[in-house]
N, C-alpha and C. Protein backbone atom coordinates (compact mmCIF):
# COMPACT_ATOMS: atom_id res chain seq x y z
N MET A 1 -1.45 11.60 -11.02
CA MET A 1 -1.01 10.51 -11.62
C MET A 1 -0.25 10.62 -13.18
N ALA A 2 0.43 11.62 -13.37
CA ALA A 2 0.85 11.87 -14.59
C ALA A 2 2.22 10.87 -15.09
N ASP A 3 2.65 10.08 -14.05
CA ASP A 3 3.85 9.25 -14.62
C ASP A 3 3.15 8.15 -15.53
N ALA A 4 4.20 7.80 -16.44
CA ALA A 4 3.68 6.91 -17.65
C ALA A 4 3.54 5.44 -17.12
N THR A 5 4.30 5.13 -15.97
CA THR A 5 3.89 3.98 -15.44
C THR A 5 2.54 3.79 -14.91
N LEU A 6 1.89 4.79 -14.87
CA LEU A 6 0.42 4.61 -14.25
C LEU A 6 -0.67 5.03 -15.39
N ALA A 7 -0.17 4.95 -16.54
CA ALA A 7 -1.02 5.65 -17.88
C ALA A 7 -2.15 4.62 -17.87
N SER A 8 -2.15 3.49 -17.72
CA SER A 8 -3.18 2.51 -18.11
C SER A 8 -3.69 1.88 -16.96
N VAL A 9 -3.40 2.58 -15.70
CA VAL A 9 -4.01 2.08 -14.46
C VAL A 9 -5.12 2.79 -13.97
N SER A 10 -6.11 2.18 -13.58
CA SER A 10 -7.34 2.97 -13.17
C SER A 10 -7.39 3.20 -11.65
N PHE A 11 -7.68 4.22 -11.35
CA PHE A 11 -7.72 4.82 -9.68
C PHE A 11 -9.07 5.21 -9.68
N ASP A 12 -9.57 5.24 -8.10
CA ASP A 12 -10.72 5.67 -7.85
C ASP A 12 -10.44 7.24 -7.41
N ALA A 13 -11.32 8.16 -6.75
CA ALA A 13 -11.22 9.59 -6.62
C ALA A 13 -10.25 9.77 -5.56
N GLU A 14 -10.09 8.84 -4.66
CA GLU A 14 -8.88 8.93 -3.34
C GLU A 14 -7.55 8.18 -3.88
N GLY A 15 -7.38 7.96 -4.88
CA GLY A 15 -5.94 7.63 -5.39
C GLY A 15 -5.71 6.29 -5.17
N TYR A 16 -6.71 5.34 -4.88
CA TYR A 16 -6.62 4.05 -4.80
C TYR A 16 -6.81 3.13 -6.01
N MET A 17 -5.92 2.22 -6.30
CA MET A 17 -6.27 1.28 -7.52
C MET A 17 -7.47 0.66 -7.34
N THR A 18 -8.34 0.68 -8.49
CA THR A 18 -9.80 -0.16 -8.66
C THR A 18 -9.64 -1.45 -8.95
N ASP A 19 -8.27 -1.89 -9.52
CA ASP A 19 -8.25 -3.31 -9.88
C ASP A 19 -6.88 -3.79 -9.47
N PRO A 20 -6.64 -4.51 -8.32
CA PRO A 20 -5.37 -5.06 -7.71
C PRO A 20 -4.60 -6.03 -8.70
N ASN A 21 -5.26 -6.36 -9.88
CA ASN A 21 -4.44 -7.36 -10.83
C ASN A 21 -3.79 -6.38 -11.74
N GLN A 22 -4.04 -4.97 -11.70
CA GLN A 22 -3.01 -4.13 -12.76
C GLN A 22 -1.71 -3.80 -11.92
N TRP A 23 -1.55 -4.07 -10.46
CA TRP A 23 -0.34 -3.79 -9.66
C TRP A 23 0.76 -4.41 -10.37
N SER A 24 1.88 -3.84 -10.10
CA SER A 24 3.22 -4.32 -10.39
C SER A 24 4.13 -3.63 -9.19
N LYS A 25 5.34 -4.03 -9.26
CA LYS A 25 6.35 -3.63 -8.27
C LYS A 25 6.85 -2.40 -8.90
N GLU A 26 6.89 -2.01 -10.14
CA GLU A 26 7.27 -0.79 -10.68
C GLU A 26 6.36 0.43 -10.32
N ILE A 27 4.81 -0.26 -10.45
CA ILE A 27 3.91 0.64 -10.03
C ILE A 27 3.84 1.06 -8.69
N SER A 28 4.22 0.02 -7.79
CA SER A 28 4.35 0.30 -6.52
C SER A 28 5.41 1.15 -6.27
N GLU A 29 6.51 1.40 -6.83
CA GLU A 29 7.50 2.23 -6.62
C GLU A 29 7.02 3.85 -6.91
N THR A 30 6.31 3.68 -8.12
CA THR A 30 5.97 5.02 -8.51
C THR A 30 4.86 5.63 -7.51
N LEU A 31 4.10 4.73 -6.91
CA LEU A 31 3.03 5.32 -6.05
C LEU A 31 3.73 5.60 -4.66
N ALA A 32 4.79 4.98 -4.37
CA ALA A 32 5.50 5.02 -3.09
C ALA A 32 5.95 6.57 -3.38
N ARG A 33 6.65 6.92 -4.41
CA ARG A 33 7.30 8.33 -4.40
C ARG A 33 6.13 9.45 -4.59
N GLN A 34 5.08 8.96 -4.92
CA GLN A 34 4.04 10.20 -5.00
C GLN A 34 3.59 10.25 -3.54
N GLU A 35 3.81 9.16 -2.57
CA GLU A 35 3.14 9.21 -1.21
C GLU A 35 4.43 9.75 -0.37
N GLY A 36 5.38 10.21 -1.07
CA GLY A 36 6.66 10.89 -0.42
C GLY A 36 7.72 10.01 0.14
N LEU A 37 7.78 8.69 -0.22
CA LEU A 37 8.80 7.99 0.02
C LEU A 37 9.73 7.77 -0.89
N ALA A 38 10.99 8.14 -0.69
CA ALA A 38 12.05 8.07 -1.58
C ALA A 38 12.66 6.65 -2.32
N ALA A 39 12.67 5.57 -1.40
CA ALA A 39 12.87 4.53 -1.90
C ALA A 39 12.12 3.18 -0.81
N LEU A 40 11.99 2.21 -1.57
CA LEU A 40 11.33 1.23 -0.98
C LEU A 40 12.27 0.21 -0.42
N THR A 41 12.69 -0.08 0.91
CA THR A 41 13.50 -0.99 1.57
C THR A 41 12.99 -2.19 1.73
N ALA A 42 13.62 -3.09 2.26
CA ALA A 42 13.28 -4.68 2.57
C ALA A 42 12.28 -4.60 3.31
N GLU A 43 12.19 -3.80 4.44
CA GLU A 43 11.27 -3.62 5.44
C GLU A 43 10.04 -3.27 4.83
N HIS A 44 10.04 -2.25 3.83
CA HIS A 44 8.73 -1.59 3.30
C HIS A 44 7.93 -2.86 2.52
N TRP A 45 8.90 -3.69 1.63
CA TRP A 45 8.70 -4.64 0.85
C TRP A 45 7.78 -5.84 1.64
N LYS A 46 8.47 -6.16 2.91
CA LYS A 46 7.68 -7.11 3.84
C LYS A 46 6.45 -6.69 3.99
N ILE A 47 6.21 -5.45 4.47
CA ILE A 47 4.68 -5.14 4.65
C ILE A 47 3.99 -4.95 3.61
N ILE A 48 4.46 -4.54 2.38
CA ILE A 48 3.58 -4.38 1.00
C ILE A 48 3.22 -5.88 0.69
N ASP A 49 4.12 -6.84 0.66
CA ASP A 49 4.11 -8.35 0.47
C ASP A 49 3.01 -8.75 1.21
N PHE A 50 2.98 -8.58 2.41
CA PHE A 50 1.89 -8.95 3.49
C PHE A 50 0.60 -8.63 2.93
N CYS A 51 0.74 -7.10 2.86
CA CYS A 51 -0.77 -6.68 2.64
C CYS A 51 -1.36 -7.05 1.29
N ARG A 52 -0.43 -7.12 0.28
CA ARG A 52 -0.83 -7.77 -1.25
C ARG A 52 -1.61 -9.22 -0.80
N GLN A 53 -0.87 -10.12 -0.10
CA GLN A 53 -1.09 -11.41 -0.05
C GLN A 53 -2.67 -11.50 0.69
N THR A 54 -2.79 -10.72 1.91
CA THR A 54 -3.81 -10.79 2.83
C THR A 54 -4.90 -10.13 2.00
N GLY A 55 -4.76 -8.92 1.50
CA GLY A 55 -5.83 -8.19 0.63
C GLY A 55 -6.35 -9.19 -0.57
N LEU A 56 -5.60 -9.78 -1.17
CA LEU A 56 -6.09 -10.44 -2.23
C LEU A 56 -6.91 -11.66 -1.93
N ALA A 57 -6.36 -12.25 -0.74
CA ALA A 57 -6.93 -13.39 -0.21
C ALA A 57 -8.41 -12.88 0.54
N SER A 58 -8.52 -11.80 0.98
CA SER A 58 -9.63 -11.43 1.75
C SER A 58 -10.57 -10.62 0.81
N GLY A 59 -9.82 -9.97 -0.11
CA GLY A 59 -10.86 -9.05 -1.02
C GLY A 59 -10.83 -7.46 -0.31
N LYS A 60 -10.18 -7.32 0.67
CA LYS A 60 -9.98 -6.14 1.27
C LYS A 60 -8.63 -5.73 2.21
N ALA A 61 -8.18 -4.63 2.05
CA ALA A 61 -6.82 -4.21 2.54
C ALA A 61 -7.03 -4.53 4.11
N PRO A 62 -5.62 -4.91 4.63
CA PRO A 62 -5.80 -5.19 5.96
C PRO A 62 -5.78 -3.83 6.89
N THR A 63 -6.04 -4.11 8.17
CA THR A 63 -6.21 -3.03 9.01
C THR A 63 -4.91 -2.86 9.65
N LEU A 64 -4.59 -1.60 10.35
CA LEU A 64 -3.29 -1.44 11.12
C LEU A 64 -2.82 -2.53 11.87
N ARG A 65 -3.76 -3.09 12.82
CA ARG A 65 -3.58 -4.09 13.59
C ARG A 65 -3.26 -5.42 12.65
N GLN A 66 -3.88 -5.86 12.06
CA GLN A 66 -3.54 -7.07 11.10
C GLN A 66 -2.18 -6.77 10.51
N ILE A 67 -1.80 -5.66 10.12
CA ILE A 67 -0.52 -5.66 9.63
C ILE A 67 0.48 -5.75 10.43
N THR A 68 0.48 -5.34 11.82
CA THR A 68 1.40 -5.21 13.01
C THR A 68 1.59 -6.55 13.38
N THR A 69 0.33 -7.39 13.58
CA THR A 69 0.21 -8.75 13.96
C THR A 69 0.85 -9.61 12.95
N GLY A 70 0.50 -9.32 11.61
CA GLY A 70 1.03 -10.36 10.55
C GLY A 70 2.49 -10.31 10.31
N THR A 71 3.00 -9.20 10.45
CA THR A 71 4.36 -8.87 10.05
C THR A 71 5.37 -8.77 11.17
N GLY A 72 4.95 -8.69 12.19
CA GLY A 72 5.68 -8.55 13.54
C GLY A 72 6.25 -7.13 13.67
N ILE A 73 5.91 -6.46 12.87
CA ILE A 73 6.33 -4.93 12.97
C ILE A 73 5.55 -4.03 13.88
N SER A 74 6.18 -3.33 14.60
CA SER A 74 5.63 -2.29 15.63
C SER A 74 4.73 -1.33 14.84
N THR A 75 3.74 -0.89 15.58
CA THR A 75 3.07 0.37 15.28
C THR A 75 4.09 1.41 14.95
N LYS A 76 4.76 1.70 16.08
CA LYS A 76 5.99 2.77 15.85
C LYS A 76 6.74 2.88 14.55
N ASP A 77 6.82 1.43 14.54
CA ASP A 77 8.01 1.02 13.21
C ASP A 77 7.16 1.43 11.96
N LEU A 78 5.98 0.90 11.91
CA LEU A 78 5.32 1.08 10.92
C LEU A 78 4.80 2.52 10.48
N PHE A 79 4.86 3.25 11.57
CA PHE A 79 4.57 4.81 11.11
C PHE A 79 5.83 5.48 10.72
N ALA A 80 7.16 4.99 11.18
CA ALA A 80 8.23 5.39 10.58
C ALA A 80 8.64 5.02 9.32
N LEU A 81 8.31 3.98 8.86
CA LEU A 81 8.30 3.29 7.49
C LEU A 81 7.25 4.29 6.53
N PHE A 82 6.08 4.19 7.07
CA PHE A 82 4.94 4.79 6.09
C PHE A 82 4.31 6.10 7.04
N PRO A 83 4.98 7.14 7.05
CA PRO A 83 4.31 8.32 7.97
C PRO A 83 2.88 8.77 7.50
N LYS A 84 2.30 9.33 8.52
CA LYS A 84 0.91 9.67 8.23
C LYS A 84 0.00 8.90 7.67
N GLY A 85 -0.36 7.80 8.60
CA GLY A 85 -1.63 7.09 8.06
C GLY A 85 -0.84 5.52 7.32
N PRO A 86 -0.15 4.82 8.00
CA PRO A 86 0.70 3.70 7.47
C PRO A 86 -0.44 2.73 6.87
N ALA A 87 -1.58 2.54 7.33
CA ALA A 87 -2.54 1.58 6.79
C ALA A 87 -3.02 1.95 5.34
N LYS A 88 -3.52 3.43 5.27
CA LYS A 88 -3.81 3.70 4.02
C LYS A 88 -2.87 3.92 2.80
N LYS A 89 -1.62 4.14 3.35
CA LYS A 89 -0.37 4.34 2.51
C LYS A 89 -0.05 3.24 1.98
N VAL A 90 0.04 2.01 2.80
CA VAL A 90 0.52 0.78 2.32
C VAL A 90 -0.54 0.21 1.38
N ALA A 91 -1.94 0.49 1.53
CA ALA A 91 -2.83 -0.10 0.73
C ALA A 91 -2.75 0.53 -0.32
N LYS A 92 -2.56 1.77 -0.67
CA LYS A 92 -2.36 2.39 -2.09
C LYS A 92 -1.25 2.02 -2.92
N ILE A 93 0.00 1.78 -2.08
CA ILE A 93 1.25 1.44 -2.46
C ILE A 93 1.13 -0.19 -3.19
N ALA A 94 0.34 -1.02 -2.30
CA ALA A 94 0.21 -2.48 -2.50
C ALA A 94 -1.03 -2.56 -3.63
N GLY A 95 -1.58 -1.49 -4.25
CA GLY A 95 -2.59 -1.55 -5.27
C GLY A 95 -3.83 -2.13 -4.52
N LEU A 96 -4.24 -2.13 -3.44
CA LEU A 96 -5.36 -2.43 -2.88
C LEU A 96 -6.38 -1.21 -2.56
N GLY A 97 -7.57 -1.32 -2.10
CA GLY A 97 -8.44 -0.46 -1.92
C GLY A 97 -8.32 0.34 -0.64
N LYS A 98 -8.97 1.34 -0.17
CA LYS A 98 -8.88 1.92 1.15
C LYS A 98 -9.17 0.85 2.28
N PRO A 99 -8.40 0.84 3.25
CA PRO A 99 -8.76 -0.14 4.18
C PRO A 99 -10.14 0.47 5.08
N GLU A 100 -10.95 -0.57 5.33
CA GLU A 100 -12.27 -0.24 6.24
C GLU A 100 -11.70 0.36 7.58
N GLY A 101 -12.66 1.22 7.76
CA GLY A 101 -12.40 1.82 9.32
C GLY A 101 -11.39 3.10 9.07
N CYS A 102 -10.85 3.40 7.88
CA CYS A 102 -9.94 4.69 7.76
C CYS A 102 -10.68 5.65 7.45
N VAL A 103 -10.67 6.92 7.96
CA VAL A 103 -11.47 8.06 7.70
C VAL A 103 -10.72 8.74 6.24
């Protein structure tokens, strides 16, 4: 987490933000690059925004099923947008904690 954008942000041992109120779109873009995503498209933002709203309202990151149901984006498309564990990746990028049920 050497990026200057993240200098004042606190993370847990697994790289999840510990305070979702520290989140910003700039931080999100930096975290996305660290997760191997070159750029965030409108589809990425639709999912990130949904996860932020849901996560802040419930106090926990949404599950994969909640994301697909809430956004109307298929699991296959979610994996294409956020390869190798989309629920965990989106939670990280959205500034939320690790989703429950994720190993």
